[in-house]
Structure formats: C-alpha cells, structure tokens
Amino acid sequence: MSNTEKPEVIHNEAQRKFYIKQKEGNATLYYEYLDKETVDLQHTVVADNIRGRGFGDVLAEAALSFATKNKLKVKLSCSFLVHYALKNSCKNKHKIINL
C-alpha cells in the first residue's frame, strides 16, 4: 500500500469490527462497548501476507475517528493500538482513558 492510496475500511457495527479486505488476506479491528459512553478497542488482526504495509494504522485511524465522531471515551486493550496512540500523540485528540 502506498501512502497516497488508503484501502476502504468497512465498519460492521452488528459484529463490532472494522475491517479491510485484500486479495492476500484481511485486516480486522474488534471492539466492544463497555457502556453507552465508552468503547473498548480490543484486538487487531492482520493476515501474515499483508503485515507491515500499514493496514493496522488505517484501522486504528478509522476506529479512533469513529469514537471521536460519536463522542465516545476509548479504552485501548490492544497492545498495537496502545503503541499506535503513543506514537501518534492520540491521547488529547481522542478521549483515551488508559494512556
């Protein structure tokens, strides 16, 4: 994936996941609601064939944007997402409660 082309992120609210479909495999970010005001971003899975190409970052951006748009507090249970949030100074931009 180049920097100029971002893949489509699909948000399946019924299954509480964001995902990217690629021919070589999928990338998925799973979440749960802790209450009406807080979302727990729990786990990110990227197929081995597409790792290291930025799909996790794209999913993180989509999930955090969703939370911000919906005025939700965010708990990061996924270590990848904690690393992403620290690397990108997300704490003040998004309502992250566990950084």
PDB file of N, CA and C in Angstrom:
ATOM      1  N   MET A   1       0.853  -1.172   0.000  1.00  0.00           N
ATOM      2  CA  MET A   1       0.000   0.000   0.000  1.00  0.00           C
ATOM      3  C   MET A   1       0.896   1.230   0.000  1.00  0.00           C
ATOM      4  N   SER A   2       0.640   2.153  -0.907  1.00  0.00           N
ATOM      5  CA  SER A   2       1.406   3.393  -0.932  1.00  0.00           C
ATOM      6  C   SER A   2       0.769   4.399   0.010  1.00  0.00           C
ATOM      7  N   ASN A   3       1.489   5.473   0.302  1.00  0.00           N
ATOM      8  CA  ASN A   3       0.975   6.493   1.212  1.00  0.00           C
ATOM      9  C   ASN A   3      -0.240   7.219   0.651  1.00  0.00           C
ATOM     10  N   THR A   4      -0.374   7.266  -0.673  1.00  0.00           N
ATOM     11  CA  THR A   4      -1.473   8.015  -1.278  1.00  0.00           C
ATOM     12  C   THR A   4      -2.752   7.201  -1.406  1.00  0.00           C
ATOM     13  N   GLU A   5      -2.649   5.901  -1.420  1.00  0.00           N
ATOM     14  CA  GLU A   5      -3.844   5.077  -1.575  1.00  0.00           C
ATOM     15  C   GLU A   5      -4.189   4.366  -0.271  1.00  0.00           C
ATOM     16  N   LYS A   6      -5.279   4.802   0.329  1.00  0.00           N
ATOM     17  CA  LYS A   6      -5.734   4.143   1.556  1.00  0.00           C
ATOM     18  C   LYS A   6      -6.839   3.171   1.184  1.00  0.00           C
ATOM     19  N   PRO A   7      -6.769   1.971   1.734  1.00  0.00           N
ATOM     20  CA  PRO A   7      -7.802   0.990   1.426  1.00  0.00           C
ATOM     21  C   PRO A   7      -9.129   1.358   2.088  1.00  0.00           C
ATOM     22  N   GLU A   8     -10.204   0.816   1.557  1.00  0.00           N
ATOM     23  CA  GLU A   8     -11.524   1.040   2.138  1.00  0.00           C
ATOM     24  C   GLU A   8     -11.633   0.281   3.463  1.00  0.00           C
ATOM     25  N   VAL A   9     -12.060   0.987   4.490  1.00  0.00           N
ATOM     26  CA  VAL A   9     -12.324   0.366   5.782  1.00  0.00           C
ATOM     27  C   VAL A   9     -13.824   0.170   5.895  1.00  0.00           C
ATOM     28  N   ILE A  10     -14.226  -1.059   6.143  1.00  0.00           N
ATOM     29  CA  ILE A  10     -15.643  -1.393   6.299  1.00  0.00           C
ATOM     30  C   ILE A  10     -15.937  -1.496   7.791  1.00  0.00           C
ATOM     31  N   HIS A  11     -17.007  -0.838   8.210  1.00  0.00           N
ATOM     32  CA  HIS A  11     -17.395  -0.889   9.623  1.00  0.00           C
ATOM     33  C   HIS A  11     -18.657  -1.734   9.724  1.00  0.00           C
ATOM     34  N   ASN A  12     -18.546  -2.875  10.362  1.00  0.00           N
ATOM     35  CA  ASN A  12     -19.685  -3.749  10.601  1.00  0.00           C
ATOM     36  C   ASN A  12     -20.098  -3.574  12.055  1.00  0.00           C
ATOM     37  N   GLU A  13     -21.075  -2.694  12.277  1.00  0.00           N
ATOM     38  CA  GLU A  13     -21.492  -2.395  13.653  1.00  0.00           C
ATOM     39  C   GLU A  13     -22.138  -3.598  14.336  1.00  0.00           C
ATOM     40  N   ALA A  14     -22.859  -4.413  13.584  1.00  0.00           N
ATOM     41  CA  ALA A  14     -23.517  -5.581  14.177  1.00  0.00           C
ATOM     42  C   ALA A  14     -22.491  -6.558  14.757  1.00  0.00           C
ATOM     43  N   GLN A  15     -21.363  -6.725  14.059  1.00  0.00           N
ATOM     44  CA  GLN A  15     -20.313  -7.634  14.537  1.00  0.00           C
ATOM     45  C   GLN A  15     -19.212  -6.906  15.303  1.00  0.00           C
ATOM     46  N   ARG A  16     -19.391  -5.617  15.474  1.00  0.00           N
ATOM     47  CA  ARG A  16     -18.454  -4.757  16.210  1.00  0.00           C
ATOM     48  C   ARG A  16     -17.020  -4.946  15.728  1.00  0.00           C
ATOM     49  N   LYS A  17     -16.838  -4.614  14.460  1.00  0.00           N
ATOM     50  CA  LYS A  17     -15.493  -4.698  13.900  1.00  0.00           C
ATOM     51  C   LYS A  17     -15.337  -3.720  12.739  1.00  0.00           C
ATOM     52  N   PHE A  18     -14.089  -3.321  12.538  1.00  0.00           N
ATOM     53  CA  PHE A  18     -13.664  -2.588  11.354  1.00  0.00           C
ATOM     54  C   PHE A  18     -12.772  -3.554  10.592  1.00  0.00           C
ATOM     55  N   TYR A  19     -12.887  -3.579   9.258  1.00  0.00           N
ATOM     56  CA  TYR A  19     -12.006  -4.487   8.536  1.00  0.00           C
ATOM     57  C   TYR A  19     -11.673  -3.970   7.147  1.00  0.00           C
ATOM     58  N   ILE A  20     -10.570  -4.485   6.628  1.00  0.00           N
ATOM     59  CA  ILE A  20     -10.084  -4.186   5.289  1.00  0.00           C
ATOM     60  C   ILE A  20      -9.935  -5.509   4.572  1.00  0.00           C
ATOM     61  N   LYS A  21     -10.554  -5.627   3.408  1.00  0.00           N
ATOM     62  CA  LYS A  21     -10.443  -6.846   2.610  1.00  0.00           C
ATOM     63  C   LYS A  21      -9.395  -6.637   1.528  1.00  0.00           C
ATOM     64  N   GLN A  22      -8.459  -7.560   1.434  1.00  0.00           N
ATOM     65  CA  GLN A  22      -7.439  -7.568   0.395  1.00  0.00           C
ATOM     66  C   GLN A  22      -7.415  -8.955  -0.229  1.00  0.00           C
ATOM     67  N   LYS A  23      -6.940  -9.051  -1.452  1.00  0.00           N
ATOM     68  CA  LYS A  23      -6.837 -10.359  -2.103  1.00  0.00           C
ATOM     69  C   LYS A  23      -5.949 -11.301  -1.307  1.00  0.00           C
ATOM     70  N   GLU A  24      -4.888 -10.737  -0.701  1.00  0.00           N
ATOM     71  CA  GLU A  24      -3.908 -11.554   0.019  1.00  0.00           C
ATOM     72  C   GLU A  24      -4.341 -11.898   1.436  1.00  0.00           C
ATOM     73  N   GLY A  25      -5.390 -11.269   1.947  1.00  0.00           N
ATOM     74  CA  GLY A  25      -5.848 -11.513   3.310  1.00  0.00           C
ATOM     75  C   GLY A  25      -6.543 -10.287   3.868  1.00  0.00           C
ATOM     76  N   ASN A  26      -7.074 -10.407   5.056  1.00  0.00           N
ATOM     77  CA  ASN A  26      -7.836  -9.320   5.666  1.00  0.00           C
ATOM     78  C   ASN A  26      -7.130  -8.779   6.899  1.00  0.00           C
ATOM     79  N   ALA A  27      -7.520  -7.557   7.251  1.00  0.00           N
ATOM     80  CA  ALA A  27      -7.080  -6.924   8.499  1.00  0.00           C
ATOM     81  C   ALA A  27      -8.348  -6.533   9.245  1.00  0.00           C
ATOM     82  N   THR A  28      -8.397  -6.818  10.548  1.00  0.00           N
ATOM     83  CA  THR A  28      -9.626  -6.592  11.314  1.00  0.00           C
ATOM     84  C   THR A  28      -9.294  -6.011  12.688  1.00  0.00           C
ATOM     85  N   LEU A  29     -10.124  -5.062  13.116  1.00  0.00           N
ATOM     86  CA  LEU A  29     -10.038  -4.498  14.456  1.00  0.00           C
ATOM     87  C   LEU A  29     -11.378  -4.760  15.135  1.00  0.00           C
ATOM     88  N   TYR A  30     -11.338  -5.443  16.267  1.00  0.00           N
ATOM     89  CA  TYR A  30     -12.550  -5.803  17.017  1.00  0.00           C
ATOM     90  C   TYR A  30     -12.735  -4.870  18.207  1.00  0.00           C
ATOM     91  N   TYR A  31     -13.988  -4.571  18.520  1.00  0.00           N
ATOM     92  CA  TYR A  31     -14.276  -3.711  19.667  1.00  0.00           C
ATOM     93  C   TYR A  31     -15.559  -4.140  20.360  1.00  0.00           C
ATOM     94  N   GLU A  32     -15.745  -3.635  21.579  1.00  0.00           N
ATOM     95  CA  GLU A  32     -16.971  -3.842  22.364  1.00  0.00           C
ATOM     96  C   GLU A  32     -17.301  -2.531  23.064  1.00  0.00           C
ATOM     97  N   TYR A  33     -18.557  -2.353  23.360  1.00  0.00           N
ATOM     98  CA  TYR A  33     -18.959  -1.211  24.178  1.00  0.00           C
ATOM     99  C   TYR A  33     -18.901  -1.618  25.645  1.00  0.00           C
ATOM    100  N   LEU A  34     -18.276  -0.789  26.470  1.00  0.00           N
ATOM    101  CA  LEU A  34     -18.247  -1.027  27.903  1.00  0.00           C
ATOM    102  C   LEU A  34     -19.500  -0.445  28.553  1.00  0.00           C
ATOM    103  N   ASP A  35     -19.968   0.651  27.999  1.00  0.00           N
ATOM    104  CA  ASP A  35     -21.220   1.295  28.403  1.00  0.00           C
ATOM    105  C   ASP A  35     -21.611   2.231  27.261  1.00  0.00           C
ATOM    106  N   LYS A  36     -22.605   3.068  27.457  1.00  0.00           N
ATOM    107  CA  LYS A  36     -23.086   3.936  26.382  1.00  0.00           C
ATOM    108  C   LYS A  36     -22.076   5.006  25.974  1.00  0.00           C
ATOM    109  N   GLU A  37     -21.088   5.249  26.835  1.00  0.00           N
ATOM    110  CA  GLU A  37     -20.133   6.328  26.584  1.00  0.00           C
ATOM    111  C   GLU A  37     -18.716   5.863  26.281  1.00  0.00           C
ATOM    112  N   THR A  38     -18.475   4.543  26.376  1.00  0.00           N
ATOM    113  CA  THR A  38     -17.098   4.043  26.283  1.00  0.00           C
ATOM    114  C   THR A  38     -17.005   2.833  25.365  1.00  0.00           C
ATOM    115  N   VAL A  39     -16.032   2.885  24.474  1.00  0.00           N
ATOM    116  CA  VAL A  39     -15.763   1.765  23.576  1.00  0.00           C
ATOM    117  C   VAL A  39     -14.376   1.199  23.915  1.00  0.00           C
ATOM    118  N   ASP A  40     -14.275  -0.125  23.904  1.00  0.00           N
ATOM    119  CA  ASP A  40     -13.022  -0.831  24.173  1.00  0.00           C
ATOM    120  C   ASP A  40     -12.502  -1.392  22.852  1.00  0.00           C
ATOM    121  N   LEU A  41     -11.409  -0.827  22.348  1.00  0.00           N
ATOM    122  CA  LEU A  41     -10.781  -1.338  21.132  1.00  0.00           C
ATOM    123  C   LEU A  41      -9.898  -2.500  21.560  1.00  0.00           C
ATOM    124  N   GLN A  42     -10.368  -3.712  21.282  1.00  0.00           N
ATOM    125  CA  GLN A  42      -9.829  -4.904  21.940  1.00  0.00           C
ATOM    126  C   GLN A  42      -8.697  -5.624  21.237  1.00  0.00           C
ATOM    127  N   HIS A  43      -8.809  -5.773  19.923  1.00  0.00           N
ATOM    128  CA  HIS A  43      -7.869  -6.676  19.265  1.00  0.00           C
ATOM    129  C   HIS A  43      -7.762  -6.323  17.791  1.00  0.00           C
ATOM    130  N   THR A  44      -6.544  -6.348  17.282  1.00  0.00           N
ATOM    131  CA  THR A  44      -6.295  -6.107  15.859  1.00  0.00           C
ATOM    132  C   THR A  44      -5.605  -7.340  15.286  1.00  0.00           C
ATOM    133  N   VAL A  45      -6.120  -7.813  14.159  1.00  0.00           N
ATOM    134  CA  VAL A  45      -5.551  -8.981  13.488  1.00  0.00           C
ATOM    135  C   VAL A  45      -5.269  -8.609  12.040  1.00  0.00           C
ATOM    136  N   VAL A  46      -4.034  -8.827  11.608  1.00  0.00           N
ATOM    137  CA  VAL A  46      -3.656  -8.578  10.218  1.00  0.00           C
ATOM    138  C   VAL A  46      -3.064  -9.869   9.663  1.00  0.00           C
ATOM    139  N   ALA A  47      -3.588 -10.312   8.536  1.00  0.00           N
ATOM    140  CA  ALA A  47      -3.095 -11.554   7.916  1.00  0.00           C
ATOM    141  C   ALA A  47      -1.590 -11.451   7.662  1.00  0.00           C
ATOM    142  N   ASP A  48      -0.893 -12.568   7.848  1.00  0.00           N
ATOM    143  CA  ASP A  48       0.563 -12.594   7.683  1.00  0.00           C
ATOM    144  C   ASP A  48       1.006 -12.007   6.345  1.00  0.00           C
ATOM    145  N   ASN A  49       0.278 -12.307   5.272  1.00  0.00           N
ATOM    146  CA  ASN A  49       0.668 -11.882   3.920  1.00  0.00           C
ATOM    147  C   ASN A  49       0.664 -10.363   3.753  1.00  0.00           C
ATOM    148  N   ILE A  50      -0.097  -9.639   4.579  1.00  0.00           N
ATOM    149  CA  ILE A  50      -0.213  -8.190   4.391  1.00  0.00           C
ATOM    150  C   ILE A  50       0.340  -7.392   5.573  1.00  0.00           C
ATOM    151  N   ARG A  51       1.015  -8.045   6.481  1.00  0.00           N
ATOM    152  CA  ARG A  51       1.610  -7.346   7.636  1.00  0.00           C
ATOM    153  C   ARG A  51       2.707  -6.392   7.175  1.00  0.00           C
ATOM    154  N   GLY A  52       2.888  -5.336   7.944  1.00  0.00           N
ATOM    155  CA  GLY A  52       3.948  -4.388   7.659  1.00  0.00           C
ATOM    156  C   GLY A  52       3.637  -3.422   6.534  1.00  0.00           C
ATOM    157  N   ARG A  53       2.389  -3.375   6.091  1.00  0.00           N
ATOM    158  CA  ARG A  53       2.014  -2.496   4.974  1.00  0.00           C
ATOM    159  C   ARG A  53       1.089  -1.362   5.416  1.00  0.00           C
ATOM    160  N   GLY A  54       0.922  -1.180   6.732  1.00  0.00           N
ATOM    161  CA  GLY A  54       0.168  -0.035   7.232  1.00  0.00           C
ATOM    162  C   GLY A  54      -1.312  -0.246   7.448  1.00  0.00           C
ATOM    163  N   PHE A  55      -1.795  -1.471   7.276  1.00  0.00           N
ATOM    164  CA  PHE A  55      -3.229  -1.728   7.434  1.00  0.00           C
ATOM    165  C   PHE A  55      -3.694  -1.545   8.880  1.00  0.00           C
ATOM    166  N   GLY A  56      -2.854  -1.906   9.835  1.00  0.00           N
ATOM    167  CA  GLY A  56      -3.196  -1.705  11.244  1.00  0.00           C
ATOM    168  C   GLY A  56      -3.376  -0.231  11.563  1.00  0.00           C
ATOM    169  N   ASP A  57      -2.499   0.604  11.018  1.00  0.00           N
ATOM    170  CA  ASP A  57      -2.615   2.051  11.233  1.00  0.00           C
ATOM    171  C   ASP A  57      -3.919   2.593  10.653  1.00  0.00           C
ATOM    172  N   VAL A  58      -4.273   2.127   9.470  1.00  0.00           N
ATOM    173  CA  VAL A  58      -5.512   2.585   8.828  1.00  0.00           C
ATOM    174  C   VAL A  58      -6.722   2.189   9.669  1.00  0.00           C
ATOM    175  N   LEU A  59      -6.719   0.970  10.205  1.00  0.00           N
ATOM    176  CA  LEU A  59      -7.809   0.529  11.084  1.00  0.00           C
ATOM    177  C   LEU A  59      -7.857   1.359  12.360  1.00  0.00           C
ATOM    178  N   ALA A  60      -6.701   1.638  12.939  1.00  0.00           N
ATOM    179  CA  ALA A  60      -6.639   2.449  14.156  1.00  0.00           C
ATOM    180  C   ALA A  60      -7.236   3.833  13.900  1.00  0.00           C
ATOM    181  N   GLU A  61      -6.848   4.459  12.798  1.00  0.00           N
ATOM    182  CA  GLU A  61      -7.386   5.777  12.441  1.00  0.00           C
ATOM    183  C   GLU A  61      -8.901   5.730  12.316  1.00  0.00           C
ATOM    184  N   ALA A  62      -9.414   4.707  11.643  1.00  0.00           N
ATOM    185  CA  ALA A  62     -10.860   4.585  11.432  1.00  0.00           C
ATOM    186  C   ALA A  62     -11.601   4.410  12.747  1.00  0.00           C
ATOM    187  N   ALA A  63     -11.095   3.534  13.612  1.00  0.00           N
ATOM    188  CA  ALA A  63     -11.766   3.266  14.895  1.00  0.00           C
ATOM    189  C   ALA A  63     -11.725   4.494  15.808  1.00  0.00           C
ATOM    190  N   LEU A  64     -10.584   5.167  15.874  1.00  0.00           N
ATOM    191  CA  LEU A  64     -10.479   6.357  16.719  1.00  0.00           C
ATOM    192  C   LEU A  64     -11.334   7.501  16.170  1.00  0.00           C
ATOM    193  N   SER A  65     -11.403   7.626  14.864  1.00  0.00           N
ATOM    194  CA  SER A  65     -12.266   8.650  14.259  1.00  0.00           C
ATOM    195  C   SER A  65     -13.730   8.374  14.560  1.00  0.00           C
ATOM    196  N   PHE A  66     -14.111   7.104  14.491  1.00  0.00           N
ATOM    197  CA  PHE A  66     -15.476   6.707  14.822  1.00  0.00           C
ATOM    198  C   PHE A  66     -15.807   7.083  16.267  1.00  0.00           C
ATOM    199  N   ALA A  67     -14.889   6.785  17.173  1.00  0.00           N
ATOM    200  CA  ALA A  67     -15.114   7.086  18.588  1.00  0.00           C
ATOM    201  C   ALA A  67     -15.236   8.593  18.811  1.00  0.00           C
ATOM    202  N   THR A  68     -14.378   9.351  18.191  1.00  0.00           N
ATOM    203  CA  THR A  68     -14.410  10.804  18.343  1.00  0.00           C
ATOM    204  C   THR A  68     -15.693  11.387  17.749  1.00  0.00           C
ATOM    205  N   LYS A  69     -16.043  10.936  16.563  1.00  0.00           N
ATOM    206  CA  LYS A  69     -17.270  11.413  15.905  1.00  0.00           C
ATOM    207  C   LYS A  69     -18.497  11.153  16.776  1.00  0.00           C
ATOM    208  N   ASN A  70     -18.490  10.036  17.494  1.00  0.00           N
ATOM    209  CA  ASN A  70     -19.624   9.650  18.325  1.00  0.00           C
ATOM    210  C   ASN A  70     -19.449  10.048  19.796  1.00  0.00           C
ATOM    211  N   LYS A  71     -18.430  10.873  20.063  1.00  0.00           N
ATOM    212  CA  LYS A  71     -18.161  11.414  21.401  1.00  0.00           C
ATOM    213  C   LYS A  71     -18.007  10.319  22.460  1.00  0.00           C
ATOM    214  N   LEU A  72     -17.301   9.250  22.071  1.00  0.00           N
ATOM    215  CA  LEU A  72     -17.078   8.119  22.968  1.00  0.00           C
ATOM    216  C   LEU A  72     -15.711   8.212  23.620  1.00  0.00           C
ATOM    217  N   LYS A  73     -15.624   7.784  24.875  1.00  0.00           N
ATOM    218  CA  LYS A  73     -14.332   7.568  25.515  1.00  0.00           C
ATOM    219  C   LYS A  73     -13.782   6.255  24.959  1.00  0.00           C
ATOM    220  N   VAL A  74     -12.466   6.123  24.965  1.00  0.00           N
ATOM    221  CA  VAL A  74     -11.826   4.959  24.359  1.00  0.00           C
ATOM    222  C   VAL A  74     -10.906   4.269  25.357  1.00  0.00           C
ATOM    223  N   LYS A  75     -11.098   2.963  25.497  1.00  0.00           N
ATOM    224  CA  LYS A  75     -10.148   2.125  26.231  1.00  0.00           C
ATOM    225  C   LYS A  75      -9.393   1.314  25.184  1.00  0.00           C
ATOM    226  N   LEU A  76      -8.081   1.275  25.309  1.00  0.00           N
ATOM    227  CA  LEU A  76      -7.259   0.506  24.376  1.00  0.00           C
ATOM    228  C   LEU A  76      -6.785  -0.769  25.054  1.00  0.00           C
ATOM    229  N   SER A  77      -7.379  -1.896  24.709  1.00  0.00           N
ATOM    230  CA  SER A  77      -6.961  -3.195  25.256  1.00  0.00           C
ATOM    231  C   SER A  77      -5.930  -3.873  24.362  1.00  0.00           C
ATOM    232  N   CYS A  78      -5.806  -3.409  23.157  1.00  0.00           N
ATOM    233  CA  CYS A  78      -4.897  -3.987  22.162  1.00  0.00           C
ATOM    234  C   CYS A  78      -3.533  -3.299  22.255  1.00  0.00           C
ATOM    235  N   SER A  79      -2.464  -4.081  22.433  1.00  0.00           N
ATOM    236  CA  SER A  79      -1.125  -3.501  22.581  1.00  0.00           C
ATOM    237  C   SER A  79      -0.691  -2.741  21.321  1.00  0.00           C
ATOM    238  N   PHE A  80      -1.084  -3.219  20.147  1.00  0.00           N
ATOM    239  CA  PHE A  80      -0.759  -2.495  18.918  1.00  0.00           C
ATOM    240  C   PHE A  80      -1.386  -1.103  18.942  1.00  0.00           C
ATOM    241  N   LEU A  81      -2.637  -1.017  19.380  1.00  0.00           N
ATOM    242  CA  LEU A  81      -3.324   0.269  19.414  1.00  0.00           C
ATOM    243  C   LEU A  81      -2.736   1.203  20.465  1.00  0.00           C
ATOM    244  N   VAL A  82      -2.287   0.664  21.590  1.00  0.00           N
ATOM    245  CA  VAL A  82      -1.607   1.487  22.595  1.00  0.00           C
ATOM    246  C   VAL A  82      -0.347   2.088  21.966  1.00  0.00           C
ATOM    247  N   HIS A  83       0.441   1.264  21.300  1.00  0.00           N
ATOM    248  CA  HIS A  83       1.657   1.723  20.635  1.00  0.00           C
ATOM    249  C   HIS A  83       1.319   2.786  19.581  1.00  0.00           C
ATOM    250  N   TYR A  84       0.287   2.532  18.786  1.00  0.00           N
ATOM    251  CA  TYR A  84      -0.133   3.484  17.755  1.00  0.00           C
ATOM    252  C   TYR A  84      -0.511   4.823  18.387  1.00  0.00           C
ATOM    253  N   ALA A  85      -1.304   4.783  19.448  1.00  0.00           N
ATOM    254  CA  ALA A  85      -1.774   6.010  20.100  1.00  0.00           C
ATOM    255  C   ALA A  85      -0.606   6.801  20.693  1.00  0.00           C
ATOM    256  N   LEU A  86       0.350   6.124  21.301  1.00  0.00           N
ATOM    257  CA  LEU A  86       1.519   6.807  21.862  1.00  0.00           C
ATOM    258  C   LEU A  86       2.387   7.410  20.757  1.00  0.00           C
ATOM    259  N   LYS A  87       2.589   6.648  19.698  1.00  0.00           N
ATOM    260  CA  LYS A  87       3.419   7.092  18.579  1.00  0.00           C
ATOM    261  C   LYS A  87       2.807   8.311  17.883  1.00  0.00           C
ATOM    262  N   ASN A  88       1.491   8.373  17.847  1.00  0.00           N
ATOM    263  CA  ASN A  88       0.801   9.435  17.114  1.00  0.00           C
ATOM    264  C   ASN A  88       0.167  10.499  18.015  1.00  0.00           C
ATOM    265  N   SER A  89       0.554  10.520  19.276  1.00  0.00           N
ATOM    266  CA  SER A  89       0.052  11.522  20.239  1.00  0.00           C
ATOM    267  C   SER A  89      -1.473  11.644  20.201  1.00  0.00           C
ATOM    268  N   CYS A  90      -2.154  10.522  20.359  1.00  0.00           N
ATOM    269  CA  CYS A  90      -3.618  10.472  20.241  1.00  0.00           C
ATOM    270  C   CYS A  90      -4.372  10.780  21.528  1.00  0.00           C
ATOM    271  N   LYS A  91      -3.708  10.776  22.663  1.00  0.00           N
ATOM    272  CA  LYS A  91      -4.430  10.888  23.941  1.00  0.00           C
ATOM    273  C   LYS A  91      -5.308  12.130  24.017  1.00  0.00           C
ATOM    274  N   ASN A  92      -4.779  13.291  23.644  1.00  0.00           N
ATOM    275  CA  ASN A  92      -5.549  14.523  23.754  1.00  0.00           C
ATOM    276  C   ASN A  92      -6.526  14.711  22.602  1.00  0.00           C
ATOM    277  N   LYS A  93      -6.214  14.155  21.460  1.00  0.00           N
ATOM    278  CA  LYS A  93      -7.096  14.273  20.298  1.00  0.00           C
ATOM    279  C   LYS A  93      -8.351  13.413  20.473  1.00  0.00           C
ATOM    280  N   HIS A  94      -8.186  12.265  21.068  1.00  0.00           N
ATOM    281  CA  HIS A  94      -9.272  11.324  21.295  1.00  0.00           C
ATOM    282  C   HIS A  94      -9.409  11.145  22.807  1.00  0.00           C
ATOM    283  N   LYS A  95     -10.551  10.732  23.270  1.00  0.00           N
ATOM    284  CA  LYS A  95     -10.773  10.569  24.713  1.00  0.00           C
ATOM    285  C   LYS A  95     -10.296   9.201  25.179  1.00  0.00           C
ATOM    286  N   ILE A  96      -8.982   8.987  25.145  1.00  0.00           N
ATOM    287  CA  ILE A  96      -8.397   7.709  25.547  1.00  0.00           C
ATOM    288  C   ILE A  96      -8.230   7.715  27.065  1.00  0.00           C
ATOM    289  N   ILE A  97      -8.812   6.724  27.710  1.00  0.00           N
ATOM    290  CA  ILE A  97      -8.854   6.724  29.169  1.00  0.00           C
ATOM    291  C   ILE A  97      -7.739   5.938  29.844  1.00  0.00           C
ATOM    292  N   ASN A  98      -6.946   5.184  29.090  1.00  0.00           N
ATOM    293  CA  ASN A  98      -5.945   4.340  29.745  1.00  0.00           C
ATOM    294  C   ASN A  98      -4.520   4.574  29.226  1.00  0.00           C
ATOM    295  N   LEU A  99      -4.194   5.801  28.860  1.00  0.00           N
ATOM    296  CA  LEU A  99      -2.805   6.130  28.484  1.00  0.00           C
ATOM    297  C   LEU A  99      -2.231   7.078  29.502  1.00  0.00           C
TER     298      LEU A  99
END
